[in-house]
Amino acid sequence: MPDLKSILTDPARRQQVVRDAEHLLESEVDAKSGFSGLAIKGAFKLVKSLRPGLIPDVIDGLLDDFATRLDPFYQDSLTKAAGRSMVDYFSSRKSEIADALLAITDQRAKNTRHANLRSAYEKLRPEGKKNVEAAVPVVARFVDKHPDQVAASSPPPHA
């Protein structure tokens, strides 16, 4: 089985993966409620207003790192999760997955030259792990969808 990075970043599929991830992100933001939901929605709106197309650009820029960080969990789900769905397996490791993904965004936020983005990230970060953990089942469905698309679009093996 190919690694997750080669699946998600294949040039023939990359833009579709980015679009799917953007829809996933928008759905997750739209589903937020309460005071923290308002803060997340406000920050998301601010980021989108800074520059049209910024969200897909950021997703595209993070995709390689995210796929690399998720690959060990993906590979384990294929080999160690006998009889369990990827959603169940990822959910059982949601804290580790959240830490792996947030390490990427923490580093990027620390190094960005965009003060507004850094400030928005820092305001939301205290709730970040809880929000990422809550999104892990959605991430698992997203990850699980794309290898199926690869298999469906691959030519049949020659006998």
Protein backbone atom coordinates (compact mmCIF):
# COMPACT_ATOMS: atom_id res chain seq x y z
CA MET A 1 0.00 0.00 0.00
CA PRO A 2 1.42 3.42 -0.91
CA ASP A 3 2.09 5.94 1.81
CA LEU A 4 -0.53 8.58 2.50
CA LYS A 5 1.64 11.41 1.21
CA SER A 6 1.97 9.82 -2.24
CA ILE A 7 -1.81 9.26 -2.31
CA LEU A 8 -2.89 12.74 -1.21
CA THR A 9 -0.22 14.71 -3.06
CA ASP A 10 -0.28 12.87 -6.37
CA PRO A 11 -0.32 15.67 -8.96
CA ALA A 12 -3.30 14.11 -10.72
CA ARG A 13 -5.39 14.33 -7.54
CA ARG A 14 -3.83 17.06 -5.44
CA GLN A 15 -6.22 19.87 -6.38
CA GLN A 16 -9.25 17.65 -5.70
CA VAL A 17 -7.77 16.72 -2.32
CA VAL A 18 -7.27 20.44 -1.54
CA ARG A 19 -10.88 21.21 -2.56
CA ASP A 20 -12.17 18.32 -0.43
CA ALA A 21 -10.10 19.53 2.52
CA GLU A 22 -11.40 23.07 2.07
CA HIS A 23 -15.00 21.81 2.13
CA LEU A 24 -14.21 19.74 5.21
CA LEU A 25 -12.72 22.78 6.96
CA GLU A 26 -15.66 25.01 6.04
CA SER A 27 -18.12 22.38 7.31
CA GLU A 28 -16.25 22.04 10.58
CA VAL A 29 -16.17 25.81 11.08
CA ASP A 30 -19.87 26.15 10.20
CA ALA A 31 -20.74 23.47 12.76
CA LYS A 32 -19.09 25.33 15.64
CA SER A 33 -21.40 26.91 18.17
CA GLY A 34 -21.26 28.88 21.38
CA PHE A 35 -18.71 31.51 22.32
CA SER A 36 -15.72 29.55 21.05
CA GLY A 37 -17.64 28.86 17.84
CA LEU A 38 -18.13 32.57 17.31
CA ALA A 39 -14.41 33.14 17.82
CA ILE A 40 -13.50 30.40 15.36
CA LYS A 41 -16.00 31.66 12.78
CA GLY A 42 -14.72 35.22 13.22
CA ALA A 43 -11.10 34.19 12.81
CA PHE A 44 -11.96 32.10 9.76
CA LYS A 45 -13.83 35.02 8.19
CA LEU A 46 -10.86 37.31 8.93
CA VAL A 47 -8.43 34.90 7.29
CA LYS A 48 -10.66 34.52 4.22
CA SER A 49 -11.06 38.30 3.93
CA LEU A 50 -7.31 38.93 4.00
CA ARG A 51 -6.93 37.40 0.58
CA PRO A 52 -9.36 35.45 -1.59
CA GLY A 53 -7.97 31.98 -2.19
CA LEU A 54 -5.87 32.04 0.97
CA ILE A 55 -7.58 29.00 2.53
CA PRO A 56 -6.90 26.61 -0.38
CA ASP A 57 -3.36 28.01 -0.65
CA VAL A 58 -2.74 27.32 3.04
CA ILE A 59 -4.25 23.83 2.75
CA ASP A 60 -2.05 23.12 -0.27
CA GLY A 61 0.98 24.38 1.65
CA LEU A 62 0.22 22.17 4.65
CA LEU A 63 -0.89 19.07 2.74
CA ASP A 64 2.52 17.41 2.44
CA ASP A 65 3.28 17.87 6.14
CA PHE A 66 -0.19 16.75 7.22
CA ALA A 67 -0.01 13.64 5.02
CA THR A 68 3.44 12.80 6.37
CA ARG A 69 2.28 13.21 9.98
CA LEU A 70 -0.89 11.19 9.41
CA ASP A 71 0.81 8.39 7.49
CA PRO A 72 1.94 6.36 10.54
CA PHE A 73 -1.64 6.37 11.84
CA TYR A 74 -2.94 5.49 8.39
CA GLN A 75 -0.49 2.60 7.98
CA ASP A 76 -1.27 1.34 11.49
CA SER A 77 -4.99 1.45 10.74
CA LEU A 78 -4.39 -0.80 7.74
CA THR A 79 -2.23 -3.30 9.60
CA LYS A 80 -3.12 -3.17 13.31
CA ALA A 81 -6.80 -2.30 13.35
CA ALA A 82 -8.14 -5.70 12.37
CA GLY A 83 -11.86 -5.40 11.80
CA ARG A 84 -12.03 -1.75 12.91
CA SER A 85 -12.88 1.12 10.65
CA MET A 86 -10.40 3.90 10.09
CA VAL A 87 -12.77 6.22 11.94
CA ASP A 88 -12.73 3.94 14.99
CA TYR A 89 -8.97 3.52 14.85
CA PHE A 90 -8.23 7.23 14.40
CA SER A 91 -10.74 8.10 17.13
CA SER A 92 -8.95 5.79 19.55
CA ARG A 93 -5.76 7.79 18.89
CA LYS A 94 -7.32 11.24 18.58
CA SER A 95 -5.02 12.87 21.16
CA GLU A 96 -1.87 11.68 19.37
CA ILE A 97 -3.25 12.70 15.98
CA ALA A 98 -4.21 16.15 17.27
CA ASP A 99 -0.71 16.64 18.73
CA ALA A 100 0.90 15.56 15.44
CA LEU A 101 -1.18 17.96 13.35
CA LEU A 102 -0.97 20.88 15.77
CA ALA A 103 2.82 20.60 15.91
CA ILE A 104 2.83 21.57 12.23
CA THR A 105 0.54 24.57 12.60
CA ASP A 106 2.25 25.69 15.82
CA GLN A 107 5.57 25.83 13.99
CA ARG A 108 4.09 27.58 10.98
CA ALA A 109 2.34 30.18 13.17
CA LYS A 110 5.56 30.79 15.08
CA ASN A 111 7.46 31.45 11.84
CA THR A 112 4.86 33.44 9.90
CA ARG A 113 5.55 37.05 8.99
CA HIS A 114 1.78 37.77 8.97
CA ALA A 115 1.06 39.28 12.37
CA ASN A 116 -2.74 39.11 11.90
CA LEU A 117 -2.64 35.40 11.12
CA ARG A 118 -0.30 34.69 14.05
CA SER A 119 -2.53 36.70 16.39
CA ALA A 120 -5.70 34.92 15.24
CA TYR A 121 -3.98 31.53 15.62
CA GLU A 122 -2.68 32.35 19.10
CA LYS A 123 -6.16 33.39 20.24
CA LEU A 124 -7.65 30.12 19.02
CA ARG A 125 -4.80 27.78 19.96
CA PRO A 126 -5.82 27.17 23.59
CA GLU A 127 -8.95 25.39 22.30
CA GLY A 128 -7.09 23.93 19.32
CA LYS A 129 -6.44 20.44 20.61
CA LYS A 130 -10.05 19.97 21.69
CA ASN A 131 -11.26 21.14 18.27
CA VAL A 132 -8.81 18.98 16.34
CA GLU A 133 -9.67 15.94 18.47
CA ALA A 134 -13.36 16.54 17.76
CA ALA A 135 -12.59 16.64 14.02
CA VAL A 136 -10.54 13.41 13.96
CA PRO A 137 -13.47 11.21 12.80
CA VAL A 138 -14.04 13.61 9.88
CA VAL A 139 -10.31 13.55 9.09
CA ALA A 140 -10.40 9.74 9.17
CA ARG A 141 -13.28 9.66 6.66
CA PHE A 142 -11.37 12.14 4.48
CA VAL A 143 -8.21 10.01 4.61
CA ASP A 144 -10.17 6.83 3.99
CA LYS A 145 -11.92 8.31 0.94
CA HIS A 146 -8.84 9.12 -1.10
CA PRO A 147 -7.12 5.70 -1.30
CA ASP A 148 -10.46 4.33 -2.55
CA GLN A 149 -10.40 6.96 -5.30
CA VAL A 150 -6.85 5.91 -6.20
CA ALA A 151 -7.91 2.25 -6.44
CA ALA A 152 -10.95 3.12 -8.52
CA SER A 153 -8.92 5.18 -10.99
CA SER A 154 -6.01 2.74 -11.31
CA PRO A 155 -5.91 0.43 -14.31
CA PRO A 156 -6.52 -3.26 -13.53
CA PRO A 157 -3.34 -5.30 -12.96
CA HIS A 158 -2.15 -7.40 -15.88
CA ALA A 159 -2.41 -11.15 -15.37
